[in-house]
Amino acid sequence: MKTVRLTKETKKDILGNLLKRSTNDYGDIEDRVNAIIDNVRTNGDRAVFEYAAMYDKCELDEKSFKVTEAEIDEGAASTDPRLYEVMQRAFDNIRTYHEKQVRQSFFTTREDGSILGQRITPIARAGVYVPGGKAAYPSTVLMNITPALCAGVPEIIMCTPAGSDGRVTPVVLAAAKITGVNKIFKTGGAQAIAAMAYGTESVPKVDKIVGPGNIYVALAKRAVYGHVSIDSVAGPSEVMVLADETANPRYVAADLLSQAEHDEMASAILVTTSAELAERVQQEIDGFLKTLSRSDIIKKSLDNYGYILIADTTDDALDAVNDIASEHLEIVTRDPWGTMTKVKNAGAIFIGEYSSEPLGDYFAGPNHVLPTNGTAKFFSPLSVDDFIKKSSVISYSKEALRSVHEDIEVFARSEGLTAHANSIAVRFENN
């Protein structure tokens, strides 16, 4: 990790370096993604089967494309019972948390007979993408499906790639069984996003697509946005730890490395007012790297996007926290709750030395689908709100409209919209 004295200039350089990880400059890949989307949009299942054979070495047809109930049950049965129990408990925590986000429609009435309100309804069909390949992520299943269930979405479609044997990773199917979702299709990559966005003979068209993926998935989601809604175009994972001299350097080092192991583009940043803590954290990192299984990935991540920032004051440290707007923020200070009140931008905030980031990834309940690459300044974690629609409701009686019709007509004419004004005026032309 690079140890840097925090100044306006060094902070600017760090922000610029982190933004290089965005999905804005992938011309060649973008062309390939667009070609895949066009092919699936035109040829449906046939195109999806061709890409499964090409990329996953998996032979699919209309009978094997959809995961059967028997396959789901088999996946659950083959999952380690202890892990299955843990996933069930995690699901309960995630569901309990997200149920508190559910909103109700409301209506207000006035004495003049006018009624104003907001009607909330779930989207009709949600699409969830779950990565496959070298790694399996049952936590992705739980985190993306549960808020849709709490929102009342009547139909949830899940897409995840199968292996060369035509089977989906059992633990992913076990997580799906826990949520109750059983419409699962064996497809991954940009072709899965296209299938959900436009529909095929087998895959129903969805209204919104959520879930993480590689650069092909991210660019495909960006390409179909507008035709369907998406959660976000997620960037590489990141963590920032805000710590003072009271922090345990071994804990801090372990937490930084927990994000750096995701991939070589991940970012881990410590910001502190204590030079002594900074030095001790670096020593702990060096020690951990000798034993961790993904140390090669971690080293590249830390070399490229790992920083230890030494700030002169707590206010300077907090300015860096709010400017960088990290996906995950851990606060390990003498008064972490007081410090938290000064944080404006962060995807998820973890308070105290026993609230390590993986607690949020897997178990606590809040969603682990979070804004990355500085977008926590204007985006929020995945929630029930992502799966609902809000409709305004307006009802005026004749007497209620009579009292304001001239005001509306004046406003409309000021914008040159005489038909708008006439639409109001015609109701009172004879009285």
Protein backbone atom coordinates (compact mmCIF):
# COMPACT_ATOMS: atom_id res chain seq x y z
CA MET A 1 0.00 0.00 0.00
CA LYS A 2 1.09 3.55 -0.67
CA THR A 3 1.41 5.70 2.45
CA VAL A 4 0.52 9.29 1.58
CA ARG A 5 0.27 12.51 3.58
CA LEU A 6 -3.27 13.73 2.94
CA THR A 7 -3.47 17.11 1.18
CA LYS A 8 -5.80 18.63 -1.38
CA GLU A 9 -3.45 17.60 -4.17
CA THR A 10 -2.88 14.03 -3.01
CA LYS A 11 -6.63 13.58 -2.48
CA LYS A 12 -7.26 14.82 -6.01
CA ASP A 13 -4.70 12.34 -7.39
CA ILE A 14 -6.29 9.47 -5.46
CA LEU A 15 -9.77 10.33 -6.69
CA GLY A 16 -8.49 10.44 -10.26
CA ASN A 17 -6.82 7.06 -9.88
CA LEU A 18 -9.93 5.44 -8.42
CA LEU A 19 -12.13 6.78 -11.22
CA LYS A 20 -9.96 4.99 -13.76
CA ARG A 21 -11.76 1.82 -12.66
CA SER A 22 -15.09 2.94 -14.14
CA THR A 23 -16.83 1.18 -17.04
CA ASN A 24 -16.63 4.17 -19.37
CA ASP A 25 -13.80 3.19 -21.69
CA TYR A 26 -14.16 -0.35 -22.99
CA GLY A 27 -14.71 0.24 -26.70
CA ASP A 28 -13.78 -3.20 -28.03
CA ILE A 29 -15.69 -5.06 -25.33
CA GLU A 30 -18.65 -2.74 -25.74
CA ASP A 31 -18.86 -3.61 -29.44
CA ARG A 32 -18.90 -7.32 -28.59
CA VAL A 33 -21.54 -6.79 -25.92
CA ASN A 34 -23.77 -4.88 -28.35
CA ALA A 35 -23.40 -7.67 -30.90
CA ILE A 36 -24.46 -10.24 -28.31
CA ILE A 37 -27.47 -8.16 -27.30
CA ASP A 38 -28.59 -7.72 -30.93
CA ASN A 39 -28.22 -11.44 -31.60
CA VAL A 40 -30.27 -12.45 -28.55
CA ARG A 41 -32.88 -9.81 -29.29
CA THR A 42 -33.25 -11.16 -32.84
CA ASN A 43 -32.79 -14.90 -32.37
CA GLY A 44 -33.90 -15.51 -28.80
CA ASP A 45 -33.21 -18.92 -27.27
CA ARG A 46 -31.13 -20.10 -30.22
CA ALA A 47 -28.61 -17.29 -29.67
CA VAL A 48 -28.49 -17.96 -25.93
CA PHE A 49 -27.78 -21.66 -26.55
CA GLU A 50 -24.99 -20.78 -28.98
CA TYR A 51 -23.30 -18.53 -26.41
CA ALA A 52 -23.66 -21.20 -23.71
CA ALA A 53 -21.81 -23.64 -25.95
CA MET A 54 -19.21 -21.02 -26.91
CA TYR A 55 -18.41 -19.54 -23.49
CA ASP A 56 -19.53 -22.13 -20.93
CA LYS A 57 -18.95 -25.29 -22.98
CA CYS A 58 -22.52 -26.17 -22.05
CA GLU A 59 -24.99 -27.76 -24.47
CA LEU A 60 -28.51 -26.47 -23.87
CA ASP A 61 -31.90 -26.92 -25.53
CA GLU A 62 -35.44 -25.86 -24.76
CA LYS A 63 -35.86 -28.77 -22.32
CA SER A 64 -32.67 -28.28 -20.31
CA PHE A 65 -32.58 -24.47 -20.34
CA LYS A 66 -34.80 -23.94 -17.29
CA VAL A 67 -33.66 -25.37 -13.98
CA THR A 68 -36.15 -27.98 -12.78
CA GLU A 69 -37.60 -28.31 -9.30
CA ALA A 70 -35.71 -31.60 -9.01
CA GLU A 71 -32.43 -29.85 -9.79
CA ILE A 72 -33.16 -27.18 -7.16
CA ASP A 73 -33.98 -29.84 -4.56
CA GLU A 74 -30.86 -31.80 -5.49
CA GLY A 75 -28.70 -28.67 -5.15
CA ALA A 76 -30.15 -27.97 -1.71
CA ALA A 77 -29.72 -31.58 -0.61
CA SER A 78 -26.07 -31.64 -1.68
CA THR A 79 -25.22 -28.43 0.18
CA ASP A 80 -23.44 -28.80 3.50
CA PRO A 81 -26.19 -28.79 6.18
CA ARG A 82 -24.29 -26.32 8.34
CA LEU A 83 -23.96 -23.89 5.44
CA TYR A 84 -27.62 -24.32 4.53
CA GLU A 85 -28.60 -23.46 8.10
CA VAL A 86 -26.36 -20.37 8.04
CA MET A 87 -27.90 -19.23 4.75
CA GLN A 88 -31.39 -19.70 6.19
CA ARG A 89 -30.50 -17.55 9.21
CA ALA A 90 -28.94 -14.92 6.95
CA PHE A 91 -32.09 -14.89 4.81
CA ASP A 92 -34.21 -14.35 7.92
CA ASN A 93 -32.02 -11.39 8.94
CA ILE A 94 -32.09 -9.89 5.44
CA ARG A 95 -35.86 -10.30 5.17
CA THR A 96 -36.52 -8.80 8.62
CA TYR A 97 -34.40 -5.75 7.76
CA HIS A 98 -35.98 -5.17 4.36
CA GLU A 99 -39.53 -5.64 5.62
CA LYS A 100 -38.99 -2.43 7.60
CA GLN A 101 -38.42 -0.58 4.30
CA VAL A 102 -41.88 -1.38 2.94
CA ARG A 103 -43.91 1.77 2.30
CA GLN A 104 -47.67 2.23 2.24
CA SER A 105 -49.80 4.20 -0.17
CA PHE A 106 -51.29 7.38 1.30
CA PHE A 107 -54.20 9.73 0.58
CA THR A 108 -55.05 13.12 2.06
CA THR A 109 -58.39 14.90 1.78
CA ARG A 110 -59.30 18.57 2.13
CA GLU A 111 -62.55 20.24 3.04
CA ASP A 112 -62.94 21.57 -0.52
CA GLY A 113 -63.28 18.00 -1.84
CA SER A 114 -59.80 17.57 -3.27
CA ILE A 115 -57.95 14.32 -2.71
CA LEU A 116 -54.19 13.91 -3.18
CA GLY A 117 -52.21 10.76 -2.71
CA GLN A 118 -49.54 8.33 -3.74
CA ARG A 119 -50.21 4.76 -4.80
CA ILE A 120 -47.38 2.28 -4.41
CA THR A 121 -47.30 -0.93 -6.43
CA PRO A 122 -44.54 -3.48 -7.06
CA ILE A 123 -43.03 -3.96 -10.48
CA ALA A 124 -44.57 -6.94 -12.26
CA ARG A 125 -41.42 -8.94 -12.96
CA ALA A 126 -37.85 -8.65 -11.69
CA GLY A 127 -34.74 -10.23 -13.19
CA VAL A 128 -31.84 -11.26 -10.96
CA TYR A 129 -28.41 -12.04 -12.38
CA VAL A 130 -26.14 -14.30 -10.32
CA PRO A 131 -22.55 -14.78 -11.52
CA GLY A 132 -21.16 -18.28 -11.98
CA GLY A 133 -17.98 -19.66 -13.42
CA LYS A 134 -15.00 -20.02 -11.10
CA ALA A 135 -16.83 -18.81 -7.99
CA ALA A 136 -20.28 -19.27 -6.49
CA TYR A 137 -22.10 -16.47 -4.71
CA PRO A 138 -25.18 -17.63 -2.79
CA SER A 139 -25.09 -14.33 -0.89
CA THR A 140 -25.89 -12.60 -4.21
CA VAL A 141 -29.03 -14.71 -4.48
CA LEU A 142 -30.21 -13.75 -0.99
CA MET A 143 -29.35 -10.05 -1.24
CA ASN A 144 -30.94 -9.44 -4.64
CA ILE A 145 -34.06 -11.55 -4.32
CA THR A 146 -35.12 -10.73 -0.76
CA PRO A 147 -35.96 -7.02 -1.26
CA ALA A 148 -38.00 -7.97 -4.34
CA LEU A 149 -39.94 -10.49 -2.25
CA CYS A 150 -40.54 -7.88 0.47
CA ALA A 151 -41.75 -5.40 -2.15
CA GLY A 152 -44.34 -7.94 -3.31
CA VAL A 153 -42.95 -8.54 -6.82
CA PRO A 154 -45.20 -11.34 -8.14
CA GLU A 155 -42.63 -12.91 -10.50
CA ILE A 156 -38.86 -13.14 -10.10
CA ILE A 157 -36.62 -14.54 -12.84
CA MET A 158 -33.08 -15.63 -12.05
CA CYS A 159 -30.31 -16.21 -14.57
CA THR A 160 -27.00 -17.88 -13.77
CA PRO A 161 -24.59 -19.84 -15.98
CA ALA A 162 -24.29 -23.61 -15.88
CA GLY A 163 -21.03 -25.55 -16.03
CA SER A 164 -19.92 -27.75 -18.88
CA ASP A 165 -22.00 -30.56 -17.33
CA GLY A 166 -25.15 -28.48 -17.72
CA ARG A 167 -25.59 -28.05 -13.98
CA VAL A 168 -25.81 -24.90 -11.89
CA THR A 169 -23.60 -24.67 -8.80
CA PRO A 170 -25.55 -26.50 -6.06
CA VAL A 171 -25.08 -23.87 -3.35
CA VAL A 172 -26.58 -21.20 -5.64
CA LEU A 173 -29.65 -23.41 -6.13
CA ALA A 174 -29.80 -23.99 -2.37
CA ALA A 175 -29.95 -20.23 -1.77
CA ALA A 176 -32.68 -19.93 -4.42
CA LYS A 177 -34.68 -22.65 -2.69
CA ILE A 178 -34.46 -20.75 0.60
CA THR A 179 -35.96 -17.66 -1.05
CA GLY A 180 -38.61 -19.69 -2.87
CA VAL A 181 -37.58 -18.54 -6.35
CA ASN A 182 -37.88 -21.36 -8.88
CA LYS A 183 -37.78 -19.68 -12.30
CA ILE A 184 -34.08 -20.08 -12.99
CA PHE A 185 -32.43 -20.16 -16.40
CA LYS A 186 -28.96 -21.48 -17.25
CA THR A 187 -27.40 -18.50 -18.92
CA GLY A 188 -24.75 -15.96 -17.99
CA GLY A 189 -22.89 -12.95 -19.32
CA ALA A 190 -24.27 -10.30 -21.64
CA GLN A 191 -26.59 -12.87 -23.23
CA ALA A 192 -28.40 -13.38 -19.91
CA ILE A 193 -28.94 -9.64 -19.54
CA ALA A 194 -30.25 -9.42 -23.10
CA ALA A 195 -32.58 -12.38 -22.56
CA MET A 196 -34.14 -10.76 -19.50
CA ALA A 197 -34.28 -7.30 -21.08
CA TYR A 198 -36.01 -8.32 -24.32
CA GLY A 199 -37.40 -11.77 -23.58
CA THR A 200 -36.91 -14.99 -25.52
CA GLU A 201 -39.12 -17.99 -26.23
CA SER A 202 -38.25 -19.30 -22.75
CA VAL A 203 -37.17 -16.28 -20.68
CA PRO A 204 -39.92 -13.76 -19.90
CA LYS A 205 -39.11 -10.09 -20.40
CA VAL A 206 -38.55 -8.40 -17.05
CA ASP A 207 -39.10 -4.83 -15.91
CA LYS A 208 -35.89 -4.45 -13.92
CA ILE A 209 -32.55 -6.26 -13.80
CA VAL A 210 -30.41 -6.40 -10.67
CA GLY A 211 -27.26 -8.26 -9.71
CA PRO A 212 -23.48 -8.04 -10.16
CA GLY A 213 -21.26 -9.44 -12.87
CA ASN A 214 -18.10 -9.00 -14.90
CA ILE A 215 -17.43 -6.19 -17.36
CA TYR A 216 -19.60 -7.88 -20.02
CA VAL A 217 -22.54 -7.97 -17.63
CA ALA A 218 -21.95 -4.38 -16.49
CA LEU A 219 -21.80 -3.04 -20.04
CA ALA A 220 -24.83 -5.09 -21.07
CA LYS A 221 -26.85 -3.64 -18.20
CA ARG A 222 -25.82 -0.17 -19.24
CA ALA A 223 -26.79 -0.90 -22.86
CA VAL A 224 -30.32 -2.12 -22.04
CA TYR A 225 -31.02 0.62 -19.50
CA GLY A 226 -34.03 2.60 -20.65
CA HIS A 227 -35.66 -0.42 -22.22
CA VAL A 228 -35.70 -1.89 -18.73
CA SER A 229 -34.59 -0.48 -15.42
CA ILE A 230 -31.40 -1.64 -13.70
CA ASP A 231 -30.02 -1.33 -10.20
CA SER A 232 -26.70 0.24 -11.20
CA VAL A 233 -23.56 -0.32 -13.23
CA ALA A 234 -21.40 -1.60 -10.41
CA GLY A 235 -17.68 -1.02 -10.29
CA PRO A 236 -14.97 -2.93 -8.41
CA SER A 237 -15.41 -3.36 -4.68
CA GLU A 238 -13.89 -0.93 -2.18
CA VAL A 239 -13.51 -0.31 1.52
CA MET A 240 -12.34 2.68 3.51
CA VAL A 241 -11.44 2.47 7.18
CA LEU A 242 -11.50 5.68 9.21
CA ALA A 243 -9.43 5.03 12.33
CA ASP A 244 -7.63 6.86 15.10
CA GLU A 245 -4.95 5.81 17.59
CA THR A 246 -7.48 3.70 19.55
CA ALA A 247 -7.99 1.23 16.68
CA ASN A 248 -6.60 -2.29 16.72
CA PRO A 249 -4.10 -2.38 13.81
CA ARG A 250 -4.52 -6.12 13.30
CA TYR A 251 -8.29 -5.75 12.87
CA VAL A 252 -7.86 -2.80 10.52
CA ALA A 253 -5.35 -4.68 8.36
CA ALA A 254 -7.60 -7.75 8.16
CA ASP A 255 -10.56 -5.63 7.08
CA LEU A 256 -8.61 -3.84 4.37
CA LEU A 257 -7.45 -7.17 2.96
CA SER A 258 -10.98 -8.59 3.00
CA GLN A 259 -11.90 -6.26 0.16
CA ALA A 260 -8.59 -6.31 -1.67
CA GLU A 261 -9.00 -10.05 -2.26
CA HIS A 262 -12.06 -9.52 -4.49
CA ASP A 263 -10.03 -8.68 -7.58
CA GLU A 264 -7.07 -6.67 -8.82
CA MET A 265 -9.25 -3.59 -9.34
CA ALA A 266 -10.57 -3.51 -5.77
CA SER A 267 -9.61 -0.61 -3.54
CA ALA A 268 -8.70 -0.60 0.16
CA ILE A 269 -7.97 2.70 1.91
CA LEU A 270 -7.08 3.57 5.48
CA VAL A 271 -7.40 7.19 6.55
CA THR A 272 -6.07 8.05 9.98
CA THR A 273 -4.64 10.86 12.07
CA SER A 274 -2.15 8.47 13.68
CA ALA A 275 1.17 7.86 11.92
CA GLU A 276 1.93 5.14 14.46
CA LEU A 277 -1.29 3.28 13.59
CA ALA A 278 -0.49 3.62 9.89
CA GLU A 279 2.90 1.98 10.38
CA ARG A 280 1.52 -0.85 12.51
CA VAL A 281 -1.28 -1.56 10.03
CA GLN A 282 1.27 -1.89 7.22
CA GLN A 283 3.25 -4.36 9.32
CA GLU A 284 0.13 -6.44 9.95
CA ILE A 285 -0.71 -6.41 6.23
CA ASP A 286 2.77 -7.71 5.41
CA GLY A 287 2.28 -10.53 7.89
CA PHE A 288 -1.17 -11.53 6.61
CA LEU A 289 0.03 -11.61 3.00
CA LYS A 290 2.33 -14.49 3.86
CA THR A 291 -0.62 -16.72 4.76
CA LEU A 292 -3.70 -15.66 2.75
CA SER A 293 -4.69 -17.85 -0.19
CA ARG A 294 -5.39 -14.97 -2.60
CA SER A 295 -2.27 -12.99 -1.74
CA ASP A 296 -1.27 -12.52 -5.39
CA ILE A 297 -4.57 -10.78 -6.16
CA ILE A 298 -4.38 -8.80 -2.92
CA LYS A 299 -0.87 -7.53 -3.67
CA LYS A 300 -1.89 -6.26 -7.11
CA SER A 301 -4.98 -4.60 -5.68
CA LEU A 302 -2.99 -2.88 -2.95
CA ASP A 303 -0.23 -1.84 -5.35
CA ASN A 304 -2.73 -0.21 -7.72
CA TYR A 305 -5.52 1.09 -5.48
CA GLY A 306 -4.43 0.66 -1.88
CA TYR A 307 -3.66 3.72 0.23
CA ILE A 308 -2.80 4.64 3.78
CA LEU A 309 -3.70 8.31 4.14
CA ILE A 310 -2.31 10.23 7.09
CA ALA A 311 -4.42 13.30 7.87
CA ASP A 312 -3.44 16.24 10.04
CA THR A 313 -6.87 16.53 11.67
CA THR A 314 -10.07 14.52 12.06
CA ASP A 315 -11.89 17.09 9.92
CA ASP A 316 -9.37 16.54 7.11
CA ALA A 317 -9.91 12.79 7.39
CA LEU A 318 -13.68 13.23 7.23
CA ASP A 319 -13.35 15.47 4.16
CA ALA A 320 -11.50 12.63 2.44
CA VAL A 321 -14.18 10.14 3.52
CA ASN A 322 -16.94 12.29 2.03
CA ASP A 323 -15.04 13.08 -1.18
CA ILE A 324 -14.09 9.47 -1.89
CA ALA A 325 -17.60 8.23 -0.94
CA SER A 326 -16.59 4.62 -0.50
CA GLU A 327 -18.83 1.61 -1.01
CA HIS A 328 -18.00 0.35 2.51
CA LEU A 329 -16.91 2.62 5.33
CA GLU A 330 -15.69 1.32 8.67
CA ILE A 331 -15.39 3.77 11.57
CA VAL A 332 -13.01 2.68 14.30
CA THR A 333 -12.47 5.74 16.46
CA ARG A 334 -12.81 6.70 20.11
CA ASP A 335 -16.34 8.02 19.46
CA PRO A 336 -17.53 6.16 16.33
CA TRP A 337 -21.19 7.19 16.64
CA GLY A 338 -20.26 10.85 16.94
CA THR A 339 -17.94 10.49 13.95
CA MET A 340 -20.71 8.80 11.97
CA THR A 341 -22.93 11.89 12.24
CA LYS A 342 -20.37 13.79 10.14
CA VAL A 343 -20.32 11.24 7.32
CA LYS A 344 -22.34 12.37 4.31
CA ASN A 345 -21.33 9.90 1.61
CA ALA A 346 -20.95 6.14 2.04
CA GLY A 347 -22.74 3.07 0.75
CA ALA A 348 -22.76 1.23 4.08
CA ILE A 349 -21.31 2.36 7.40
CA PHE A 350 -19.86 -0.13 9.88
CA ILE A 351 -19.43 1.23 13.38
CA GLY A 352 -16.95 -0.08 15.95
CA GLU A 353 -14.23 -2.70 15.88
CA TYR A 354 -16.64 -5.66 15.94
CA SER A 355 -18.61 -4.52 12.89
CA SER A 356 -16.28 -5.79 10.18
CA GLU A 357 -17.41 -5.38 6.57
CA PRO A 358 -18.00 -9.13 5.92
CA LEU A 359 -20.74 -8.97 8.56
CA GLY A 360 -22.69 -6.86 6.07
CA ASP A 361 -21.70 -8.97 3.09
CA TYR A 362 -23.30 -12.08 4.47
CA PHE A 363 -25.38 -11.89 7.56
CA ALA A 364 -26.44 -8.71 9.38
CA GLY A 365 -29.42 -7.85 7.17
CA PRO A 366 -28.74 -4.59 5.29
CA ASN A 367 -28.14 -5.10 1.60
CA HIS A 368 -24.63 -5.67 0.31
CA VAL A 369 -25.47 -4.33 -3.17
CA LEU A 370 -23.97 -0.86 -2.74
CA PRO A 371 -22.93 2.16 -4.81
CA THR A 372 -19.28 2.11 -5.90
CA ASN A 373 -16.68 4.42 -7.43
CA GLY A 374 -17.91 7.56 -5.70
CA THR A 375 -21.57 7.10 -6.64
CA ALA A 376 -22.55 6.92 -2.95
CA LYS A 377 -22.81 10.70 -3.32
CA PHE A 378 -26.10 10.18 -5.16
CA PHE A 379 -26.99 6.45 -5.12
CA SER A 380 -28.20 4.22 -2.29
CA PRO A 381 -27.99 0.52 -1.41
CA LEU A 382 -30.36 -1.90 -3.13
CA SER A 383 -33.65 -1.86 -1.25
CA VAL A 384 -37.37 -2.50 -1.44
CA ASP A 385 -37.69 0.90 -3.13
CA ASP A 386 -35.88 -0.53 -6.17
CA PHE A 387 -38.78 -2.89 -6.80
CA ILE A 388 -41.75 -0.55 -6.45
CA LYS A 389 -43.42 2.14 -8.53
CA LYS A 390 -45.09 5.26 -7.22
CA SER A 391 -48.11 6.79 -8.92
CA SER A 392 -49.40 10.23 -7.95
CA VAL A 393 -53.17 10.43 -7.41
CA ILE A 394 -55.11 13.68 -7.93
CA SER A 395 -58.86 14.17 -7.57
CA TYR A 396 -60.56 17.61 -7.43
CA SER A 397 -64.24 18.35 -7.08
CA LYS A 398 -65.81 21.07 -9.22
CA GLU A 399 -65.81 23.46 -6.29
CA ALA A 400 -62.17 22.73 -5.48
CA LEU A 401 -61.16 23.43 -9.08
CA ARG A 402 -63.34 26.57 -9.24
CA SER A 403 -61.30 28.22 -6.50
CA VAL A 404 -58.01 27.82 -8.39
CA HIS A 405 -58.89 27.60 -12.08
CA GLU A 406 -57.90 31.17 -12.89
CA ASP A 407 -54.49 30.67 -11.25
CA ILE A 408 -53.85 27.61 -13.41
CA GLU A 409 -54.94 29.41 -16.57
CA VAL A 410 -52.58 32.32 -15.83
CA PHE A 411 -49.70 29.92 -15.29
CA ALA A 412 -50.40 27.97 -18.49
CA ARG A 413 -50.71 31.08 -20.67
CA SER A 414 -47.42 32.41 -19.27
CA GLU A 415 -45.76 29.38 -20.88
CA GLY A 416 -47.62 29.86 -24.15
CA LEU A 417 -49.68 26.70 -23.64
CA THR A 418 -53.14 27.98 -24.45
CA ALA A 419 -54.60 24.48 -24.86
CA HIS A 420 -53.57 23.73 -21.30
CA ALA A 421 -55.35 26.87 -20.14
CA ASN A 422 -58.40 26.03 -22.24
CA SER A 423 -58.60 22.54 -20.72
CA ILE A 424 -59.27 24.24 -17.38
CA ALA A 425 -61.27 27.22 -18.60
CA VAL A 426 -63.78 25.16 -20.61
CA ARG A 427 -65.16 23.71 -17.41
CA PHE A 428 -66.27 27.16 -16.25
CA GLU A 429 -67.20 28.88 -19.50
CA ASN A 430 -70.91 29.02 -18.70
CA ASN A 431 -70.72 29.80 -14.99
